[in-house]
Amino acid sequence: MHHIIFCLDNNYLKILPSVLKSFNKTNNIKNFTLNFVISDSKKKLHQNILDIAKNISSDFIIRYKYYLPTEEFKQILIEYSNLLFGDKEHIKKQRVYFNYANWSRFHIVDLFSDIKKGLYLDLDILFNKNIEDIFKIDIDNYMVAVSPYTKGNKSIITKIRSLDKPSDILNVNKFFDHFKINREDLNNKHYNCGVMLFNFELLKKNNIKNKVEDLLKYMIKYPYIKMSGTQNVQNILIPNYNIFPSSYNYLQKKNTTNQHIIHFKGIKVLDLLDNPLYINSLKSILK
């Protein structure tokens, strides 16, 4: 049985039917368990998910857990957002820092402690072909397998200006020492976090969940180091990875025929169902 993990809140419900329809069309869904990490303080969202899945197929195998951030973590996000964006509330609302679903993937290891290896997926994707071969990727010695960016990609460290061109080299070196980061590892290519094959046993062994929180606290305390987004945070804390073919995280906007997973990164989730690229891709998959 293969495990797929989605993290979602109410914002993603409108595209979930399309994702599940494409999955049902292109894969034998009896070979998969879909695990949902849900961000919803009212704890009611699971029923919507179950109803959507049932309307598509009774064969879906679905589990769910709720992610409820602690008050301490909420305060950490507020403080760090204030540090980055000051009183610009309109900018904060456009960023990931108050979207708890974006941070919930670091808690999968605890919420679904029985999963040893699983495929994490953003929901701005469509399944275009069978994906079972991705689970054959060897990650025994890696926390994650990914598909690094291919066009105009730079190293991980160049994405974090405060580390690449620090104003305080001594304190940046202290940062590397604190988190036991080998600077040379940051020369690896930056990778997208929308499709990732995780080794959850190693994630737990390396205590990534606590390191994420520690990193945010560190940047609040020492604001000469700044990085935005959960993707940069993960790239810094998990710079070493195995690679799977880009067809499993296809970020381009054409020639989708031979791609396994089409990822519509860069298009706002709320706009996907009105986007011709998304609609035409879905029609092509379902025909």
C-alpha atoms as a PDB file:
ATOM      1  CA  MET A   1       0.000   0.000   0.000  1.00  0.00           C
ATOM      2  CA  HIS A   2       1.391   3.406  -1.031  1.00  0.00           C
ATOM      3  CA  HIS A   3       0.802   6.469   1.124  1.00  0.00           C
ATOM      4  CA  ILE A   4      -0.023   9.914  -0.266  1.00  0.00           C
ATOM      5  CA  ILE A   5      -0.289  12.890   2.062  1.00  0.00           C
ATOM      6  CA  PHE A   6      -2.189  16.104   1.415  1.00  0.00           C
ATOM      7  CA  CYS A   7      -2.237  19.108   3.763  1.00  0.00           C
ATOM      8  CA  LEU A   8      -5.232  21.362   3.347  1.00  0.00           C
ATOM      9  CA  ASP A   9      -7.641  23.891   4.763  1.00  0.00           C
ATOM     10  CA  ASN A  10     -10.897  25.337   3.447  1.00  0.00           C
ATOM     11  CA  ASN A  11      -9.094  27.200   0.667  1.00  0.00           C
ATOM     12  CA  TYR A  12      -8.319  23.938  -1.152  1.00  0.00           C
ATOM     13  CA  LEU A  13     -11.753  22.298  -1.067  1.00  0.00           C
ATOM     14  CA  LYS A  14     -12.887  23.708  -4.415  1.00  0.00           C
ATOM     15  CA  ILE A  15     -10.045  22.010  -6.325  1.00  0.00           C
ATOM     16  CA  LEU A  16     -10.047  18.731  -4.400  1.00  0.00           C
ATOM     17  CA  PRO A  17     -12.689  17.133  -6.679  1.00  0.00           C
ATOM     18  CA  SER A  18     -10.513  17.799  -9.736  1.00  0.00           C
ATOM     19  CA  VAL A  19      -7.436  16.331  -8.060  1.00  0.00           C
ATOM     20  CA  LEU A  20      -9.277  13.190  -6.976  1.00  0.00           C
ATOM     21  CA  LYS A  21     -10.979  12.750 -10.345  1.00  0.00           C
ATOM     22  CA  SER A  22      -7.618  12.887 -12.119  1.00  0.00           C
ATOM     23  CA  PHE A  23      -6.164  10.423  -9.611  1.00  0.00           C
ATOM     24  CA  ASN A  24      -9.063   8.014 -10.024  1.00  0.00           C
ATOM     25  CA  LYS A  25      -8.693   8.173 -13.815  1.00  0.00           C
ATOM     26  CA  THR A  26      -4.955   7.548 -13.988  1.00  0.00           C
ATOM     27  CA  ASN A  27      -4.198   5.210 -11.080  1.00  0.00           C
ATOM     28  CA  ASN A  28      -5.537   2.107  -9.370  1.00  0.00           C
ATOM     29  CA  ILE A  29      -6.750   3.882  -6.262  1.00  0.00           C
ATOM     30  CA  LYS A  30      -7.028   0.613  -4.323  1.00  0.00           C
ATOM     31  CA  ASN A  31      -3.226   0.583  -4.149  1.00  0.00           C
ATOM     32  CA  PHE A  32      -3.077   3.872  -2.232  1.00  0.00           C
ATOM     33  CA  THR A  33      -4.072   5.347   1.091  1.00  0.00           C
ATOM     34  CA  LEU A  34      -4.811   9.082   0.987  1.00  0.00           C
ATOM     35  CA  ASN A  35      -3.826  10.738   4.254  1.00  0.00           C
ATOM     36  CA  PHE A  36      -5.181  14.236   4.874  1.00  0.00           C
ATOM     37  CA  VAL A  37      -3.627  16.652   7.358  1.00  0.00           C
ATOM     38  CA  ILE A  38      -6.413  19.143   7.958  1.00  0.00           C
ATOM     39  CA  SER A  39      -6.144  22.679   9.320  1.00  0.00           C
ATOM     40  CA  ASP A  40      -9.574  23.617  10.656  1.00  0.00           C
ATOM     41  CA  SER A  41     -10.166  24.714  14.235  1.00  0.00           C
ATOM     42  CA  LYS A  42     -13.829  23.636  14.048  1.00  0.00           C
ATOM     43  CA  LYS A  43     -12.832  20.078  13.102  1.00  0.00           C
ATOM     44  CA  LYS A  44     -15.593  19.752  10.526  1.00  0.00           C
ATOM     45  CA  LEU A  45     -13.674  19.792   7.262  1.00  0.00           C
ATOM     46  CA  HIS A  46     -13.117  16.033   7.133  1.00  0.00           C
ATOM     47  CA  GLN A  47     -16.774  15.421   6.274  1.00  0.00           C
ATOM     48  CA  ASN A  48     -16.459  17.575   3.157  1.00  0.00           C
ATOM     49  CA  ILE A  49     -13.396  15.591   2.103  1.00  0.00           C
ATOM     50  CA  LEU A  50     -15.133  12.257   2.646  1.00  0.00           C
ATOM     51  CA  ASP A  51     -18.226  13.401   0.741  1.00  0.00           C
ATOM     52  CA  ILE A  52     -16.156  14.644  -2.211  1.00  0.00           C
ATOM     53  CA  ALA A  53     -14.243  11.366  -2.403  1.00  0.00           C
ATOM     54  CA  LYS A  54     -17.380   9.222  -2.087  1.00  0.00           C
ATOM     55  CA  ASN A  55     -19.055  11.091  -4.948  1.00  0.00           C
ATOM     56  CA  ILE A  56     -16.114  10.159  -7.190  1.00  0.00           C
ATOM     57  CA  SER A  57     -15.493   6.576  -6.071  1.00  0.00           C
ATOM     58  CA  SER A  58     -16.295   4.352  -3.109  1.00  0.00           C
ATOM     59  CA  ASP A  59     -12.870   2.736  -3.534  1.00  0.00           C
ATOM     60  CA  PHE A  60     -10.869   5.622  -2.086  1.00  0.00           C
ATOM     61  CA  ILE A  61      -9.051   4.691   1.121  1.00  0.00           C
ATOM     62  CA  ILE A  62      -8.937   7.836   3.235  1.00  0.00           C
ATOM     63  CA  ARG A  63      -7.557   8.737   6.644  1.00  0.00           C
ATOM     64  CA  TYR A  64      -7.393  12.161   8.228  1.00  0.00           C
ATOM     65  CA  LYS A  65      -5.876  13.948  11.200  1.00  0.00           C
ATOM     66  CA  TYR A  66      -6.303  17.521  12.334  1.00  0.00           C
ATOM     67  CA  TYR A  67      -3.322  19.803  12.763  1.00  0.00           C
ATOM     68  CA  LEU A  68      -3.942  22.355  15.499  1.00  0.00           C
ATOM     69  CA  PRO A  69      -0.952  24.659  16.017  1.00  0.00           C
ATOM     70  CA  THR A  70      -0.112  25.578  19.576  1.00  0.00           C
ATOM     71  CA  GLU A  71      -0.644  29.114  20.779  1.00  0.00           C
ATOM     72  CA  GLU A  72       3.118  29.394  21.135  1.00  0.00           C
ATOM     73  CA  PHE A  73       3.644  28.530  17.470  1.00  0.00           C
ATOM     74  CA  LYS A  74       0.955  31.004  16.389  1.00  0.00           C
ATOM     75  CA  GLN A  75       2.768  33.703  18.330  1.00  0.00           C
ATOM     76  CA  ILE A  76       6.084  32.748  16.736  1.00  0.00           C
ATOM     77  CA  LEU A  77       4.543  33.192  13.266  1.00  0.00           C
ATOM     78  CA  ILE A  78       3.094  36.568  14.254  1.00  0.00           C
ATOM     79  CA  GLU A  79       6.444  37.787  15.558  1.00  0.00           C
ATOM     80  CA  TYR A  80       8.338  36.603  12.522  1.00  0.00           C
ATOM     81  CA  SER A  81       5.793  38.072  10.104  1.00  0.00           C
ATOM     82  CA  ASN A  82       6.046  41.389  11.922  1.00  0.00           C
ATOM     83  CA  LEU A  83       9.804  41.209  11.588  1.00  0.00           C
ATOM     84  CA  LEU A  84       9.612  40.628   7.826  1.00  0.00           C
ATOM     85  CA  PHE A  85       6.661  42.825   6.853  1.00  0.00           C
ATOM     86  CA  GLY A  86       6.118  45.293   9.704  1.00  0.00           C
ATOM     87  CA  ASP A  87       2.581  46.708   9.711  1.00  0.00           C
ATOM     88  CA  LYS A  88       1.887  45.825   6.056  1.00  0.00           C
ATOM     89  CA  GLU A  89      -1.108  43.615   6.808  1.00  0.00           C
ATOM     90  CA  HIS A  90      -2.140  43.272   3.143  1.00  0.00           C
ATOM     91  CA  ILE A  91       1.249  41.723   2.353  1.00  0.00           C
ATOM     92  CA  LYS A  92       1.062  39.360   5.319  1.00  0.00           C
ATOM     93  CA  LYS A  93      -2.262  37.983   4.086  1.00  0.00           C
ATOM     94  CA  GLN A  94      -0.645  37.072   0.763  1.00  0.00           C
ATOM     95  CA  ARG A  95       2.198  35.151   2.398  1.00  0.00           C
ATOM     96  CA  VAL A  96       2.356  31.703   3.948  1.00  0.00           C
ATOM     97  CA  TYR A  97       3.111  32.697   7.507  1.00  0.00           C
ATOM     98  CA  PHE A  98      -0.465  32.749   8.770  1.00  0.00           C
ATOM     99  CA  ASN A  99      -1.535  29.790   6.660  1.00  0.00           C
ATOM    100  CA  TYR A 100      -1.057  26.977   9.122  1.00  0.00           C
ATOM    101  CA  ALA A 101      -1.665  24.333   6.449  1.00  0.00           C
ATOM    102  CA  ASN A 102       1.682  25.304   4.904  1.00  0.00           C
ATOM    103  CA  TRP A 103       3.477  24.468   8.147  1.00  0.00           C
ATOM    104  CA  SER A 104       1.491  21.323   8.887  1.00  0.00           C
ATOM    105  CA  ARG A 105       3.621  19.132   6.594  1.00  0.00           C
ATOM    106  CA  PHE A 106       6.385  19.278   9.192  1.00  0.00           C
ATOM    107  CA  HIS A 107       3.979  17.534  11.593  1.00  0.00           C
ATOM    108  CA  ILE A 108       3.054  14.598   9.339  1.00  0.00           C
ATOM    109  CA  VAL A 109       5.689  12.480  11.056  1.00  0.00           C
ATOM    110  CA  ASP A 110       3.781  12.718  14.348  1.00  0.00           C
ATOM    111  CA  LEU A 111       0.217  12.785  13.061  1.00  0.00           C
ATOM    112  CA  PHE A 112       0.700   9.646  10.947  1.00  0.00           C
ATOM    113  CA  SER A 113       3.450   7.912  12.874  1.00  0.00           C
ATOM    114  CA  ASP A 114       2.852   4.581  11.105  1.00  0.00           C
ATOM    115  CA  ILE A 115       3.915   5.902   7.688  1.00  0.00           C
ATOM    116  CA  LYS A 116       7.556   5.051   6.976  1.00  0.00           C
ATOM    117  CA  LYS A 117       7.662   6.401   3.418  1.00  0.00           C
ATOM    118  CA  GLY A 118       5.080   8.610   1.749  1.00  0.00           C
ATOM    119  CA  LEU A 119       4.499  11.044  -1.094  1.00  0.00           C
ATOM    120  CA  TYR A 120       3.599  14.561  -0.016  1.00  0.00           C
ATOM    121  CA  LEU A 121       1.678  16.561  -2.615  1.00  0.00           C
ATOM    122  CA  ASP A 122       0.439  20.120  -2.838  1.00  0.00           C
ATOM    123  CA  LEU A 123      -3.128  20.301  -4.080  1.00  0.00           C
ATOM    124  CA  ASP A 124      -2.443  22.598  -7.040  1.00  0.00           C
ATOM    125  CA  ILE A 125      -1.664  19.474  -9.093  1.00  0.00           C
ATOM    126  CA  LEU A 126      -3.338  17.052 -11.456  1.00  0.00           C
ATOM    127  CA  PHE A 127      -2.451  13.395 -11.946  1.00  0.00           C
ATOM    128  CA  ASN A 128      -1.703  12.728 -15.600  1.00  0.00           C
ATOM    129  CA  LYS A 129      -0.290   9.161 -15.498  1.00  0.00           C
ATOM    130  CA  ASN A 130       0.261   6.292 -13.103  1.00  0.00           C
ATOM    131  CA  ILE A 131       2.635   7.327 -10.305  1.00  0.00           C
ATOM    132  CA  GLU A 132       3.496   4.028  -8.598  1.00  0.00           C
ATOM    133  CA  ASP A 133       7.080   3.977  -9.901  1.00  0.00           C
ATOM    134  CA  ILE A 134       7.976   7.022  -7.824  1.00  0.00           C
ATOM    135  CA  PHE A 135       7.724   4.855  -4.718  1.00  0.00           C
ATOM    136  CA  LYS A 136      10.627   2.776  -6.049  1.00  0.00           C
ATOM    137  CA  ILE A 137      13.021   5.700  -5.572  1.00  0.00           C
ATOM    138  CA  ASP A 138      15.675   4.815  -2.984  1.00  0.00           C
ATOM    139  CA  ILE A 139      15.485   7.106   0.029  1.00  0.00           C
ATOM    140  CA  ASP A 140      16.912   4.773   2.666  1.00  0.00           C
ATOM    141  CA  ASN A 141      19.732   7.262   3.290  1.00  0.00           C
ATOM    142  CA  TYR A 142      17.846  10.463   2.467  1.00  0.00           C
ATOM    143  CA  MET A 143      15.091  12.318   4.273  1.00  0.00           C
ATOM    144  CA  VAL A 144      13.531  13.328   0.979  1.00  0.00           C
ATOM    145  CA  ALA A 145      13.547  12.789  -2.772  1.00  0.00           C
ATOM    146  CA  VAL A 146      12.607  15.753  -4.955  1.00  0.00           C
ATOM    147  CA  SER A 147      12.893  17.187  -8.428  1.00  0.00           C
ATOM    148  CA  PRO A 148      15.139  20.284  -8.339  1.00  0.00           C
ATOM    149  CA  TYR A 149      14.237  23.256 -10.491  1.00  0.00           C
ATOM    150  CA  THR A 150      15.686  22.865 -13.979  1.00  0.00           C
ATOM    151  CA  LYS A 151      15.425  26.337 -15.546  1.00  0.00           C
ATOM    152  CA  GLY A 152      17.616  29.109 -14.216  1.00  0.00           C
ATOM    153  CA  ASN A 153      18.108  27.251 -10.963  1.00  0.00           C
ATOM    154  CA  LYS A 154      20.693  28.360  -8.465  1.00  0.00           C
ATOM    155  CA  SER A 155      22.050  26.823  -5.306  1.00  0.00           C
ATOM    156  CA  ILE A 156      20.046  26.756  -2.104  1.00  0.00           C
ATOM    157  CA  ILE A 157      22.225  29.343  -0.427  1.00  0.00           C
ATOM    158  CA  THR A 158      21.811  31.937  -3.180  1.00  0.00           C
ATOM    159  CA  LYS A 159      18.074  31.994  -2.423  1.00  0.00           C
ATOM    160  CA  ILE A 160      18.851  33.288   1.091  1.00  0.00           C
ATOM    161  CA  ARG A 161      20.648  36.589   0.639  1.00  0.00           C
ATOM    162  CA  SER A 162      21.419  36.991   4.338  1.00  0.00           C
ATOM    163  CA  LEU A 163      23.403  33.726   4.200  1.00  0.00           C
ATOM    164  CA  ASP A 164      24.891  34.090   0.726  1.00  0.00           C
ATOM    165  CA  LYS A 165      26.073  37.675   1.183  1.00  0.00           C
ATOM    166  CA  PRO A 166      26.004  38.181   4.936  1.00  0.00           C
ATOM    167  CA  SER A 167      26.614  41.519   6.580  1.00  0.00           C
ATOM    168  CA  ASP A 168      27.867  39.682   9.666  1.00  0.00           C
ATOM    169  CA  ILE A 169      29.940  36.664   8.657  1.00  0.00           C
ATOM    170  CA  LEU A 170      30.854  35.680  12.218  1.00  0.00           C
ATOM    171  CA  ASN A 171      27.240  35.417  13.340  1.00  0.00           C
ATOM    172  CA  VAL A 172      26.207  33.608  10.160  1.00  0.00           C
ATOM    173  CA  ASN A 173      28.868  31.010  10.915  1.00  0.00           C
ATOM    174  CA  LYS A 174      27.361  30.692  14.387  1.00  0.00           C
ATOM    175  CA  PHE A 175      24.016  30.036  12.699  1.00  0.00           C
ATOM    176  CA  PHE A 176      25.515  27.184  10.667  1.00  0.00           C
ATOM    177  CA  ASP A 177      27.092  25.743  13.810  1.00  0.00           C
ATOM    178  CA  HIS A 178      23.870  26.004  15.807  1.00  0.00           C
ATOM    179  CA  PHE A 179      21.874  24.026  13.246  1.00  0.00           C
ATOM    180  CA  LYS A 180      24.792  21.753  12.311  1.00  0.00           C
ATOM    181  CA  ILE A 181      24.573  22.836   8.665  1.00  0.00           C
ATOM    182  CA  ASN A 182      27.454  22.113   6.355  1.00  0.00           C
ATOM    183  CA  ARG A 183      27.672  25.180   4.148  1.00  0.00           C
ATOM    184  CA  GLU A 184      28.881  23.050   1.247  1.00  0.00           C
ATOM    185  CA  ASP A 185      25.557  21.190   1.288  1.00  0.00           C
ATOM    186  CA  LEU A 186      23.820  24.462   0.478  1.00  0.00           C
ATOM    187  CA  ASN A 187      25.517  24.471  -2.913  1.00  0.00           C
ATOM    188  CA  ASN A 188      23.010  21.810  -3.969  1.00  0.00           C
ATOM    189  CA  LYS A 189      20.285  23.006  -6.313  1.00  0.00           C
ATOM    190  CA  HIS A 190      17.227  24.636  -4.794  1.00  0.00           C
ATOM    191  CA  TYR A 191      14.167  22.375  -4.948  1.00  0.00           C
ATOM    192  CA  ASN A 192      10.424  22.791  -5.068  1.00  0.00           C
ATOM    193  CA  CYS A 193       8.440  21.388  -2.140  1.00  0.00           C
ATOM    194  CA  GLY A 194       5.148  20.703  -3.925  1.00  0.00           C
ATOM    195  CA  VAL A 195       5.964  17.047  -4.662  1.00  0.00           C
ATOM    196  CA  MET A 196       8.221  15.196  -2.213  1.00  0.00           C
ATOM    197  CA  LEU A 197       8.856  11.576  -1.350  1.00  0.00           C
ATOM    198  CA  PHE A 198       9.594  11.554   2.380  1.00  0.00           C
ATOM    199  CA  ASN A 199      11.477   9.101   4.555  1.00  0.00           C
ATOM    200  CA  PHE A 200       9.502   9.793   7.714  1.00  0.00           C
ATOM    201  CA  GLU A 201      11.698   7.596   9.886  1.00  0.00           C
ATOM    202  CA  LEU A 202      14.714   9.804   9.121  1.00  0.00           C
ATOM    203  CA  LEU A 203      12.639  12.971   9.497  1.00  0.00           C
ATOM    204  CA  LYS A 204      11.728  11.884  12.991  1.00  0.00           C
ATOM    205  CA  LYS A 205      15.281  10.804  13.794  1.00  0.00           C
ATOM    206  CA  ASN A 206      16.563  14.230  12.718  1.00  0.00           C
ATOM    207  CA  ASN A 207      13.835  16.017  14.682  1.00  0.00           C
ATOM    208  CA  ILE A 208      12.901  18.262  11.771  1.00  0.00           C
ATOM    209  CA  LYS A 209       9.639  19.480  13.315  1.00  0.00           C
ATOM    210  CA  ASN A 210      11.451  20.984  16.320  1.00  0.00           C
ATOM    211  CA  LYS A 211      14.236  22.344  14.123  1.00  0.00           C
ATOM    212  CA  VAL A 212      11.683  24.327  12.100  1.00  0.00           C
ATOM    213  CA  GLU A 213      10.355  25.992  15.224  1.00  0.00           C
ATOM    214  CA  ASP A 214      13.879  26.550  16.519  1.00  0.00           C
ATOM    215  CA  LEU A 215      14.843  28.173  13.210  1.00  0.00           C
ATOM    216  CA  LEU A 216      11.958  30.654  13.391  1.00  0.00           C
ATOM    217  CA  LYS A 217      12.818  31.533  16.980  1.00  0.00           C
ATOM    218  CA  TYR A 218      16.469  31.966  16.012  1.00  0.00           C
ATOM    219  CA  MET A 219      15.625  34.410  13.221  1.00  0.00           C
ATOM    220  CA  ILE A 220      13.398  36.423  15.549  1.00  0.00           C
ATOM    221  CA  LYS A 221      16.227  36.639  18.076  1.00  0.00           C
ATOM    222  CA  TYR A 222      18.916  37.308  15.462  1.00  0.00           C
ATOM    223  CA  PRO A 223      17.188  39.250  12.650  1.00  0.00           C
ATOM    224  CA  TYR A 224      20.329  39.563  10.524  1.00  0.00           C
ATOM    225  CA  ILE A 225      19.234  36.161   9.139  1.00  0.00           C
ATOM    226  CA  LYS A 226      15.998  36.237   7.173  1.00  0.00           C
ATOM    227  CA  MET A 227      14.268  33.776   4.904  1.00  0.00           C
ATOM    228  CA  SER A 228      10.711  33.756   3.599  1.00  0.00           C
ATOM    229  CA  GLY A 229       8.445  30.800   2.988  1.00  0.00           C
ATOM    230  CA  THR A 230       8.320  27.199   4.172  1.00  0.00           C
ATOM    231  CA  GLN A 231      10.177  26.133   1.031  1.00  0.00           C
ATOM    232  CA  ASN A 232      13.313  28.075   1.934  1.00  0.00           C
ATOM    233  CA  VAL A 233      13.097  26.838   5.514  1.00  0.00           C
ATOM    234  CA  GLN A 234      13.009  23.222   4.336  1.00  0.00           C
ATOM    235  CA  ASN A 235      15.786  23.687   1.767  1.00  0.00           C
ATOM    236  CA  ILE A 236      18.051  25.033   4.507  1.00  0.00           C
ATOM    237  CA  LEU A 237      17.246  22.307   7.027  1.00  0.00           C
ATOM    238  CA  ILE A 238      17.150  19.456   4.466  1.00  0.00           C
ATOM    239  CA  PRO A 239      19.694  20.394   1.777  1.00  0.00           C
ATOM    240  CA  ASN A 240      20.592  16.818   0.806  1.00  0.00           C
ATOM    241  CA  TYR A 241      18.178  14.776  -1.252  1.00  0.00           C
ATOM    242  CA  ASN A 242      17.747  12.054  -3.817  1.00  0.00           C
ATOM    243  CA  ILE A 243      16.262  12.977  -7.201  1.00  0.00           C
ATOM    244  CA  PHE A 244      13.248  11.690  -9.081  1.00  0.00           C
ATOM    245  CA  PRO A 245      12.358  12.575 -12.702  1.00  0.00           C
ATOM    246  CA  SER A 246      10.864  16.004 -13.325  1.00  0.00           C
ATOM    247  CA  SER A 247       7.837  14.311 -14.919  1.00  0.00           C
ATOM    248  CA  TYR A 248       6.562  13.769 -11.371  1.00  0.00           C
ATOM    249  CA  ASN A 249       6.667  17.496 -10.656  1.00  0.00           C
ATOM    250  CA  TYR A 250       6.116  19.089 -14.030  1.00  0.00           C
ATOM    251  CA  LEU A 251       6.133  22.868 -13.639  1.00  0.00           C
ATOM    252  CA  GLN A 252       5.958  23.831 -17.307  1.00  0.00           C
ATOM    253  CA  LYS A 253       2.870  25.084 -19.108  1.00  0.00           C
ATOM    254  CA  LYS A 254       2.852  22.885 -22.211  1.00  0.00           C
ATOM    255  CA  ASN A 255       3.757  19.423 -23.542  1.00  0.00           C
ATOM    256  CA  THR A 256       2.068  17.632 -20.646  1.00  0.00           C
ATOM    257  CA  THR A 257       1.444  14.335 -22.488  1.00  0.00           C
ATOM    258  CA  ASN A 258       4.278  12.319 -20.927  1.00  0.00           C
ATOM    259  CA  GLN A 259       4.150  13.910 -17.486  1.00  0.00           C
ATOM    260  CA  HIS A 260       3.001  11.999 -14.414  1.00  0.00           C
ATOM    261  CA  ILE A 261       2.051  14.921 -12.170  1.00  0.00           C
ATOM    262  CA  ILE A 262       1.333  18.400 -13.515  1.00  0.00           C
ATOM    263  CA  HIS A 263       2.036  21.087 -10.919  1.00  0.00           C
ATOM    264  CA  PHE A 264       0.353  24.452 -11.457  1.00  0.00           C
ATOM    265  CA  LYS A 265       2.704  26.428  -9.262  1.00  0.00           C
ATOM    266  CA  GLY A 266       2.400  30.173  -9.750  1.00  0.00           C
ATOM    267  CA  ILE A 267      -1.372  30.112 -10.304  1.00  0.00           C
ATOM    268  CA  LYS A 268      -3.360  31.058  -7.214  1.00  0.00           C
ATOM    269  CA  VAL A 269      -5.455  28.176  -5.943  1.00  0.00           C
ATOM    270  CA  LEU A 270      -8.630  30.252  -5.995  1.00  0.00           C
ATOM    271  CA  ASP A 271      -8.054  30.972  -9.705  1.00  0.00           C
ATOM    272  CA  LEU A 272      -7.348  27.423 -10.874  1.00  0.00           C
ATOM    273  CA  LEU A 273     -10.893  26.476 -11.839  1.00  0.00           C
ATOM    274  CA  ASP A 274     -11.046  29.583 -14.048  1.00  0.00           C
ATOM    275  CA  ASN A 275      -7.644  29.012 -15.616  1.00  0.00           C
ATOM    276  CA  PRO A 276      -7.739  27.630 -19.206  1.00  0.00           C
ATOM    277  CA  LEU A 277      -4.488  25.708 -18.732  1.00  0.00           C
ATOM    278  CA  TYR A 278      -5.875  23.887 -15.711  1.00  0.00           C
ATOM    279  CA  ILE A 279      -9.325  23.269 -17.210  1.00  0.00           C
ATOM    280  CA  ASN A 280      -7.963  22.007 -20.532  1.00  0.00           C
ATOM    281  CA  SER A 281      -5.474  19.730 -18.770  1.00  0.00           C
ATOM    282  CA  LEU A 282      -8.239  18.264 -16.618  1.00  0.00           C
ATOM    283  CA  LYS A 283     -10.496  17.678 -19.636  1.00  0.00           C
ATOM    284  CA  SER A 284      -7.672  15.949 -21.473  1.00  0.00           C
ATOM    285  CA  ILE A 285      -6.990  13.646 -18.521  1.00  0.00           C
ATOM    286  CA  LEU A 286     -10.650  12.723 -17.983  1.00  0.00           C
ATOM    287  CA  LYS A 287     -11.657  12.182 -21.583  1.00  0.00           C
END
